[in-house]
Amino acid sequence: MKSMPSLSMTGLRKNPSLIPLLFFVGAGGVWAGYYIGRLAFRNPDVTWNRKTNPEPWQAYDKKQYKFWSEIDHNTYEHPRPKF
């Protein structure tokens, strides 16, 4: 199988304007992978082991799991019922 000539070193020397494009496409792929991994391991809606922790969302009662929030979750009293 022959690779694309524009993605080889000789093709990049002929078209140096492709270098930023390849960089940002690669950085976007890495960021998307990081974000999906973070959602899979940090989101309280996802559980990997239901036998030892059947209700994992209870651990996030006073924790912040968003990237940014204006509420101080350590002192905020949640209006939801406790199960």
PDB file of N, CA and C in Angstrom:
ATOM      1  N   MET A   1       0.847  -1.178   0.000  1.00  0.00           N
ATOM      2  CA  MET A   1       0.000   0.000   0.000  1.00  0.00           C
ATOM      3  C   MET A   1       0.893   1.241   0.000  1.00  0.00           C
ATOM      4  N   LYS A   2       0.627   2.128  -0.880  1.00  0.00           N
ATOM      5  CA  LYS A   2       1.433   3.327  -1.037  1.00  0.00           C
ATOM      6  C   LYS A   2       0.836   4.459  -0.208  1.00  0.00           C
ATOM      7  N   SER A   3       1.689   5.164   0.530  1.00  0.00           N
ATOM      8  CA  SER A   3       1.193   6.275   1.343  1.00  0.00           C
ATOM      9  C   SER A   3       0.949   7.509   0.479  1.00  0.00           C
ATOM     10  N   MET A   4       0.227   8.436   1.039  1.00  0.00           N
ATOM     11  CA  MET A   4      -0.055   9.666   0.315  1.00  0.00           C
ATOM     12  C   MET A   4       1.235  10.470   0.178  1.00  0.00           C
ATOM     13  N   PRO A   5       1.539  10.995  -0.983  1.00  0.00           N
ATOM     14  CA  PRO A   5       2.797  11.719  -1.156  1.00  0.00           C
ATOM     15  C   PRO A   5       2.850  13.020  -0.369  1.00  0.00           C
ATOM     16  N   SER A   6       1.713  13.606  -0.064  1.00  0.00           N
ATOM     17  CA  SER A   6       1.751  14.872   0.668  1.00  0.00           C
ATOM     18  C   SER A   6       2.041  14.663   2.144  1.00  0.00           C
ATOM     19  N   LEU A   7       1.891  13.434   2.665  1.00  0.00           N
ATOM     20  CA  LEU A   7       2.172  13.164   4.069  1.00  0.00           C
ATOM     21  C   LEU A   7       3.591  12.658   4.299  1.00  0.00           C
ATOM     22  N   SER A   8       4.362  12.456   3.248  1.00  0.00           N
ATOM     23  CA  SER A   8       5.749  12.052   3.421  1.00  0.00           C
ATOM     24  C   SER A   8       6.616  13.295   3.631  1.00  0.00           C
ATOM     25  N   MET A   9       7.842  13.090   3.989  1.00  0.00           N
ATOM     26  CA  MET A   9       8.751  14.228   4.227  1.00  0.00           C
ATOM     27  C   MET A   9       8.981  15.038   2.957  1.00  0.00           C
ATOM     28  N   THR A  10       9.070  14.371   1.823  1.00  0.00           N
ATOM     29  CA  THR A  10       9.264  15.133   0.575  1.00  0.00           C
ATOM     30  C   THR A  10       8.012  15.934   0.232  1.00  0.00           C
ATOM     31  N   GLY A  11       6.846  15.367   0.494  1.00  0.00           N
ATOM     32  CA  GLY A  11       5.611  16.099   0.236  1.00  0.00           C
ATOM     33  C   GLY A  11       5.453  17.292   1.165  1.00  0.00           C
ATOM     34  N   LEU A  12       5.879  17.149   2.430  1.00  0.00           N
ATOM     35  CA  LEU A  12       5.807  18.278   3.367  1.00  0.00           C
ATOM     36  C   LEU A  12       6.819  19.365   3.017  1.00  0.00           C
ATOM     37  N   ARG A  13       7.944  18.967   2.414  1.00  0.00           N
ATOM     38  CA  ARG A  13       8.913  19.988   1.974  1.00  0.00           C
ATOM     39  C   ARG A  13       8.363  20.778   0.787  1.00  0.00           C
ATOM     40  N   LYS A  14       7.593  20.118  -0.050  1.00  0.00           N
ATOM     41  CA  LYS A  14       6.995  20.809  -1.193  1.00  0.00           C
ATOM     42  C   LYS A  14       5.823  21.693  -0.761  1.00  0.00           C
ATOM     43  N   ASN A  15       5.079  21.249   0.257  1.00  0.00           N
ATOM     44  CA  ASN A  15       3.907  21.986   0.744  1.00  0.00           C
ATOM     45  C   ASN A  15       4.038  22.226   2.248  1.00  0.00           C
ATOM     46  N   PRO A  16       4.849  23.192   2.649  1.00  0.00           N
ATOM     47  CA  PRO A  16       5.023  23.408   4.093  1.00  0.00           C
ATOM     48  C   PRO A  16       3.772  23.964   4.785  1.00  0.00           C
ATOM     49  N   SER A  17       2.806  24.413   4.016  1.00  0.00           N
ATOM     50  CA  SER A  17       1.575  24.911   4.635  1.00  0.00           C
ATOM     51  C   SER A  17       0.730  23.784   5.228  1.00  0.00           C
ATOM     52  N   LEU A  18       1.037  22.527   4.912  1.00  0.00           N
ATOM     53  CA  LEU A  18       0.316  21.402   5.492  1.00  0.00           C
ATOM     54  C   LEU A  18       0.763  21.081   6.916  1.00  0.00           C
ATOM     55  N   ILE A  19       1.924  21.556   7.333  1.00  0.00           N
ATOM     56  CA  ILE A  19       2.451  21.233   8.664  1.00  0.00           C
ATOM     57  C   ILE A  19       1.540  21.750   9.773  1.00  0.00           C
ATOM     58  N   PRO A  20       1.087  23.007   9.779  1.00  0.00           N
ATOM     59  CA  PRO A  20       0.158  23.431  10.840  1.00  0.00           C
ATOM     60  C   PRO A  20      -1.163  22.674  10.805  1.00  0.00           C
ATOM     61  N   LEU A  21      -1.640  22.350   9.615  1.00  0.00           N
ATOM     62  CA  LEU A  21      -2.876  21.594   9.504  1.00  0.00           C
ATOM     63  C   LEU A  21      -2.731  20.227  10.159  1.00  0.00           C
ATOM     64  N   LEU A  22      -1.659  19.513   9.859  1.00  0.00           N
ATOM     65  CA  LEU A  22      -1.437  18.204  10.457  1.00  0.00           C
ATOM     66  C   LEU A  22      -1.238  18.312  11.963  1.00  0.00           C
ATOM     67  N   PHE A  23      -0.581  19.365  12.414  1.00  0.00           N
ATOM     68  CA  PHE A  23      -0.375  19.557  13.848  1.00  0.00           C
ATOM     69  C   PHE A  23      -1.702  19.741  14.578  1.00  0.00           C
ATOM     70  N   PHE A  24      -2.559  20.621  14.054  1.00  0.00           N
ATOM     71  CA  PHE A  24      -3.818  20.899  14.734  1.00  0.00           C
ATOM     72  C   PHE A  24      -4.803  19.738  14.630  1.00  0.00           C
ATOM     73  N   VAL A  25      -4.784  19.003  13.542  1.00  0.00           N
ATOM     74  CA  VAL A  25      -5.626  17.814  13.447  1.00  0.00           C
ATOM     75  C   VAL A  25      -5.153  16.767  14.457  1.00  0.00           C
ATOM     76  N   GLY A  26      -3.853  16.585  14.588  1.00  0.00           N
ATOM     77  CA  GLY A  26      -3.322  15.653  15.584  1.00  0.00           C
ATOM     78  C   GLY A  26      -3.617  16.100  17.004  1.00  0.00           C
ATOM     79  N   ALA A  27      -3.462  17.405  17.286  1.00  0.00           N
ATOM     80  CA  ALA A  27      -3.767  17.923  18.631  1.00  0.00           C
ATOM     81  C   ALA A  27      -5.249  17.775  18.939  1.00  0.00           C
ATOM     82  N   GLY A  28      -6.116  17.981  17.960  1.00  0.00           N
ATOM     83  CA  GLY A  28      -7.551  17.795  18.167  1.00  0.00           C
ATOM     84  C   GLY A  28      -7.890  16.337  18.452  1.00  0.00           C
ATOM     85  N   GLY A  29      -7.222  15.420  17.793  1.00  0.00           N
ATOM     86  CA  GLY A  29      -7.443  13.996  18.057  1.00  0.00           C
ATOM     87  C   GLY A  29      -6.990  13.600  19.455  1.00  0.00           C
ATOM     88  N   VAL A  30      -5.848  14.141  19.879  1.00  0.00           N
ATOM     89  CA  VAL A  30      -5.364  13.858  21.236  1.00  0.00           C
ATOM     90  C   VAL A  30      -6.312  14.444  22.268  1.00  0.00           C
ATOM     91  N   TRP A  31      -6.782  15.670  22.050  1.00  0.00           N
ATOM     92  CA  TRP A  31      -7.714  16.299  23.001  1.00  0.00           C
ATOM     93  C   TRP A  31      -9.034  15.533  23.067  1.00  0.00           C
ATOM     94  N   ALA A  32      -9.544  15.074  21.928  1.00  0.00           N
ATOM     95  CA  ALA A  32     -10.788  14.307  21.932  1.00  0.00           C
ATOM     96  C   ALA A  32     -10.608  12.990  22.688  1.00  0.00           C
ATOM     97  N   GLY A  33      -9.477  12.330  22.511  1.00  0.00           N
ATOM     98  CA  GLY A  33      -9.204  11.101  23.256  1.00  0.00           C
ATOM     99  C   GLY A  33      -9.100  11.344  24.746  1.00  0.00           C
ATOM    100  N   TYR A  34      -8.438  12.444  25.128  1.00  0.00           N
ATOM    101  CA  TYR A  34      -8.331  12.796  26.546  1.00  0.00           C
ATOM    102  C   TYR A  34      -9.710  13.064  27.145  1.00  0.00           C
ATOM    103  N   TYR A  35     -10.540  13.796  26.435  1.00  0.00           N
ATOM    104  CA  TYR A  35     -11.852  14.163  26.957  1.00  0.00           C
ATOM    105  C   TYR A  35     -12.760  12.937  27.095  1.00  0.00           C
ATOM    106  N   ILE A  36     -12.715  12.038  26.127  1.00  0.00           N
ATOM    107  CA  ILE A  36     -13.510  10.813  26.219  1.00  0.00           C
ATOM    108  C   ILE A  36     -13.023   9.952  27.376  1.00  0.00           C
ATOM    109  N   GLY A  37     -11.713   9.873  27.574  1.00  0.00           N
ATOM    110  CA  GLY A  37     -11.177   9.134  28.713  1.00  0.00           C
ATOM    111  C   GLY A  37     -11.572   9.764  30.029  1.00  0.00           C
ATOM    112  N   ARG A  38     -11.562  11.084  30.083  1.00  0.00           N
ATOM    113  CA  ARG A  38     -11.958  11.768  31.315  1.00  0.00           C
ATOM    114  C   ARG A  38     -13.432  11.534  31.607  1.00  0.00           C
ATOM    115  N   LEU A  39     -14.268  11.573  30.593  1.00  0.00           N
ATOM    116  CA  LEU A  39     -15.682  11.284  30.797  1.00  0.00           C
ATOM    117  C   LEU A  39     -15.898   9.850  31.265  1.00  0.00           C
ATOM    118  N   ALA A  40     -15.105   8.924  30.753  1.00  0.00           N
ATOM    119  CA  ALA A  40     -15.286   7.519  31.110  1.00  0.00           C
ATOM    120  C   ALA A  40     -14.847   7.229  32.542  1.00  0.00           C
ATOM    121  N   PHE A  41     -13.861   7.968  33.065  1.00  0.00           N
ATOM    122  CA  PHE A  41     -13.329   7.648  34.386  1.00  0.00           C
ATOM    123  C   PHE A  41     -13.721   8.626  35.483  1.00  0.00           C
ATOM    124  N   ARG A  42     -14.161   9.822  35.153  1.00  0.00           N
ATOM    125  CA  ARG A  42     -14.457  10.825  36.167  1.00  0.00           C
ATOM    126  C   ARG A  42     -15.935  11.175  36.298  1.00  0.00           C
ATOM    127  N   ASN A  43     -16.751  10.787  35.353  1.00  0.00           N
ATOM    128  CA  ASN A  43     -18.159  11.147  35.367  1.00  0.00           C
ATOM    129  C   ASN A  43     -18.918  10.253  36.348  1.00  0.00           C
ATOM    130  N   PRO A  44     -19.738  10.801  37.232  1.00  0.00           N
ATOM    131  CA  PRO A  44     -20.458   9.954  38.186  1.00  0.00           C
ATOM    132  C   PRO A  44     -21.566   9.123  37.540  1.00  0.00           C
ATOM    133  N   ASP A  45     -21.924   9.400  36.310  1.00  0.00           N
ATOM    134  CA  ASP A  45     -22.933   8.597  35.627  1.00  0.00           C
ATOM    135  C   ASP A  45     -22.381   7.270  35.117  1.00  0.00           C
ATOM    136  N   VAL A  46     -21.061   7.124  35.095  1.00  0.00           N
ATOM    137  CA  VAL A  46     -20.422   5.922  34.575  1.00  0.00           C
ATOM    138  C   VAL A  46     -19.891   5.109  35.743  1.00  0.00           C
ATOM    139  N   THR A  47     -20.201   3.838  35.769  1.00  0.00           N
ATOM    140  CA  THR A  47     -19.652   2.949  36.786  1.00  0.00           C
ATOM    141  C   THR A  47     -19.006   1.749  36.100  1.00  0.00           C
ATOM    142  N   TRP A  48     -17.847   1.354  36.587  1.00  0.00           N
ATOM    143  CA  TRP A  48     -17.122   0.241  36.011  1.00  0.00           C
ATOM    144  C   TRP A  48     -17.276  -1.023  36.851  1.00  0.00           C
ATOM    145  N   ASN A  49     -17.568  -0.869  38.140  1.00  0.00           N
ATOM    146  CA  ASN A  49     -17.676  -2.016  39.024  1.00  0.00           C
ATOM    147  C   ASN A  49     -18.910  -1.837  39.907  1.00  0.00           C
ATOM    148  N   ARG A  50     -20.009  -2.414  39.511  1.00  0.00           N
ATOM    149  CA  ARG A  50     -21.261  -2.219  40.242  1.00  0.00           C
ATOM    150  C   ARG A  50     -21.371  -3.114  41.472  1.00  0.00           C
ATOM    151  N   LYS A  51     -20.510  -4.126  41.607  1.00  0.00           N
ATOM    152  CA  LYS A  51     -20.612  -5.026  42.753  1.00  0.00           C
ATOM    153  C   LYS A  51     -20.050  -4.392  44.021  1.00  0.00           C
ATOM    154  N   THR A  52     -18.926  -3.706  43.927  1.00  0.00           N
ATOM    155  CA  THR A  52     -18.338  -3.099  45.122  1.00  0.00           C
ATOM    156  C   THR A  52     -18.886  -1.712  45.398  1.00  0.00           C
ATOM    157  N   ASN A  53     -19.368  -1.020  44.374  1.00  0.00           N
ATOM    158  CA  ASN A  53     -19.908   0.318  44.560  1.00  0.00           C
ATOM    159  C   ASN A  53     -21.190   0.449  43.725  1.00  0.00           C
ATOM    160  N   PRO A  54     -22.336  -0.009  44.248  1.00  0.00           N
ATOM    161  CA  PRO A  54     -23.549  -0.003  43.421  1.00  0.00           C
ATOM    162  C   PRO A  54     -24.124   1.386  43.168  1.00  0.00           C
ATOM    163  N   GLU A  55     -23.804   2.368  43.991  1.00  0.00           N
ATOM    164  CA  GLU A  55     -24.300   3.732  43.802  1.00  0.00           C
ATOM    165  C   GLU A  55     -23.134   4.714  43.813  1.00  0.00           C
ATOM    166  N   PRO A  56     -22.370   4.797  42.732  1.00  0.00           N
ATOM    167  CA  PRO A  56     -21.168   5.649  42.735  1.00  0.00           C
ATOM    168  C   PRO A  56     -21.477   7.137  42.768  1.00  0.00           C
ATOM    169  N   TRP A  57     -22.679   7.539  42.386  1.00  0.00           N
ATOM    170  CA  TRP A  57     -23.014   8.961  42.381  1.00  0.00           C
ATOM    171  C   TRP A  57     -23.111   9.525  43.791  1.00  0.00           C
ATOM    172  N   GLN A  58     -23.261   8.680  44.804  1.00  0.00           N
ATOM    173  CA  GLN A  58     -23.323   9.167  46.175  1.00  0.00           C
ATOM    174  C   GLN A  58     -21.962   9.711  46.630  1.00  0.00           C
ATOM    175  N   ALA A  59     -20.872   9.261  46.031  1.00  0.00           N
ATOM    176  CA  ALA A  59     -19.541   9.761  46.384  1.00  0.00           C
ATOM    177  C   ALA A  59     -19.351  11.204  45.923  1.00  0.00           C
ATOM    178  N   TYR A  60     -20.163  11.660  44.977  1.00  0.00           N
ATOM    179  CA  TYR A  60     -20.039  13.017  44.440  1.00  0.00           C
ATOM    180  C   TYR A  60     -21.036  13.977  45.079  1.00  0.00           C
ATOM    181  N   ASP A  61     -21.442  13.700  46.288  1.00  0.00           N
ATOM    182  CA  ASP A  61     -22.422  14.540  46.953  1.00  0.00           C
ATOM    183  C   ASP A  61     -21.916  15.966  47.125  1.00  0.00           C
ATOM    184  N   LYS A  62     -20.680  16.135  47.536  1.00  0.00           N
ATOM    185  CA  LYS A  62     -20.111  17.477  47.742  1.00  0.00           C
ATOM    186  C   LYS A  62     -18.841  17.680  46.923  1.00  0.00           C
ATOM    187  N   LYS A  63     -18.721  17.010  45.812  1.00  0.00           N
ATOM    188  CA  LYS A  63     -17.549  17.161  44.948  1.00  0.00           C
ATOM    189  C   LYS A  63     -17.946  17.847  43.655  1.00  0.00           C
ATOM    190  N   GLN A  64     -16.986  18.507  43.065  1.00  0.00           N
ATOM    191  CA  GLN A  64     -17.197  19.162  41.776  1.00  0.00           C
ATOM    192  C   GLN A  64     -16.539  18.305  40.710  1.00  0.00           C
ATOM    193  N   TYR A  65     -17.281  17.910  39.700  1.00  0.00           N
ATOM    194  CA  TYR A  65     -16.709  17.116  38.629  1.00  0.00           C
ATOM    195  C   TYR A  65     -16.758  17.826  37.289  1.00  0.00           C
ATOM    196  N   LYS A  66     -17.152  19.082  37.270  1.00  0.00           N
ATOM    197  CA  LYS A  66     -17.136  19.868  36.050  1.00  0.00           C
ATOM    198  C   LYS A  66     -15.765  20.517  35.892  1.00  0.00           C
ATOM    199  N   PHE A  67     -15.465  20.990  34.697  1.00  0.00           N
ATOM    200  CA  PHE A  67     -14.221  21.716  34.481  1.00  0.00           C
ATOM    201  C   PHE A  67     -14.215  23.032  35.257  1.00  0.00           C
ATOM    202  N   TRP A  68     -15.361  23.727  35.232  1.00  0.00           N
ATOM    203  CA  TRP A  68     -15.429  25.041  35.860  1.00  0.00           C
ATOM    204  C   TRP A  68     -16.838  25.271  36.354  1.00  0.00           C
ATOM    205  N   SER A  69     -16.958  25.766  37.564  1.00  0.00           N
ATOM    206  CA  SER A  69     -18.270  26.037  38.130  1.00  0.00           C
ATOM    207  C   SER A  69     -18.154  27.236  39.050  1.00  0.00           C
ATOM    208  N   GLU A  70     -19.194  28.065  39.093  1.00  0.00           N
ATOM    209  CA  GLU A  70     -19.183  29.247  39.949  1.00  0.00           C
ATOM    210  C   GLU A  70     -19.612  28.935  41.378  1.00  0.00           C
ATOM    211  N   ILE A  71     -20.063  27.728  41.633  1.00  0.00           N
ATOM    212  CA  ILE A  71     -20.541  27.344  42.958  1.00  0.00           C
ATOM    213  C   ILE A  71     -19.408  26.687  43.737  1.00  0.00           C
ATOM    214  N   ASP A  72     -19.269  27.058  45.008  1.00  0.00           N
ATOM    215  CA  ASP A  72     -18.320  26.378  45.882  1.00  0.00           C
ATOM    216  C   ASP A  72     -19.005  25.117  46.409  1.00  0.00           C
ATOM    217  N   HIS A  73     -18.626  23.968  45.877  1.00  0.00           N
ATOM    218  CA  HIS A  73     -19.316  22.730  46.194  1.00  0.00           C
ATOM    219  C   HIS A  73     -19.015  22.217  47.595  1.00  0.00           C
ATOM    220  N   ASN A  74     -18.014  22.737  48.258  1.00  0.00           N
ATOM    221  CA  ASN A  74     -17.716  22.298  49.617  1.00  0.00           C
ATOM    222  C   ASN A  74     -18.730  22.839  50.621  1.00  0.00           C
ATOM    223  N   THR A  75     -19.291  24.015  50.359  1.00  0.00           N
ATOM    224  CA  THR A  75     -20.233  24.619  51.291  1.00  0.00           C
ATOM    225  C   THR A  75     -21.663  24.630  50.766  1.00  0.00           C
ATOM    226  N   TYR A  76     -21.884  24.237  49.543  1.00  0.00           N
ATOM    227  CA  TYR A  76     -23.217  24.283  48.936  1.00  0.00           C
ATOM    228  C   TYR A  76     -24.056  23.105  49.430  1.00  0.00           C
ATOM    229  N   GLU A  77     -25.246  23.381  49.897  1.00  0.00           N
ATOM    230  CA  GLU A  77     -26.171  22.327  50.320  1.00  0.00           C
ATOM    231  C   GLU A  77     -27.072  21.984  49.138  1.00  0.00           C
ATOM    232  N   HIS A  78     -26.962  20.774  48.652  1.00  0.00           N
ATOM    233  CA  HIS A  78     -27.704  20.358  47.472  1.00  0.00           C
ATOM    234  C   HIS A  78     -29.187  20.199  47.800  1.00  0.00           C
ATOM    235  N   PRO A  79     -30.086  20.705  46.966  1.00  0.00           N
ATOM    236  CA  PRO A  79     -31.517  20.606  47.252  1.00  0.00           C
ATOM    237  C   PRO A  79     -32.112  19.237  46.923  1.00  0.00           C
ATOM    238  N   ARG A  80     -31.327  18.327  46.428  1.00  0.00           N
ATOM    239  CA  ARG A  80     -31.876  17.027  46.044  1.00  0.00           C
ATOM    240  C   ARG A  80     -32.091  16.156  47.279  1.00  0.00           C
ATOM    241  N   PRO A  81     -32.974  15.161  47.197  1.00  0.00           N
ATOM    242  CA  PRO A  81     -33.180  14.258  48.339  1.00  0.00           C
ATOM    243  C   PRO A  81     -32.021  13.275  48.474  1.00  0.00           C
ATOM    244  N   LYS A  82     -31.752  12.857  49.675  1.00  0.00           N
ATOM    245  CA  LYS A  82     -30.694  11.874  49.928  1.00  0.00           C
ATOM    246  C   LYS A  82     -31.328  10.486  49.937  1.00  0.00           C
ATOM    247  N   PHE A  83     -30.806   9.602  49.123  1.00  0.00           N
ATOM    248  CA  PHE A  83     -31.344   8.252  49.023  1.00  0.00           C
ATOM    249  C   PHE A  83     -30.554   7.295  49.875  1.00  0.00           C
TER     250      PHE A  83
END
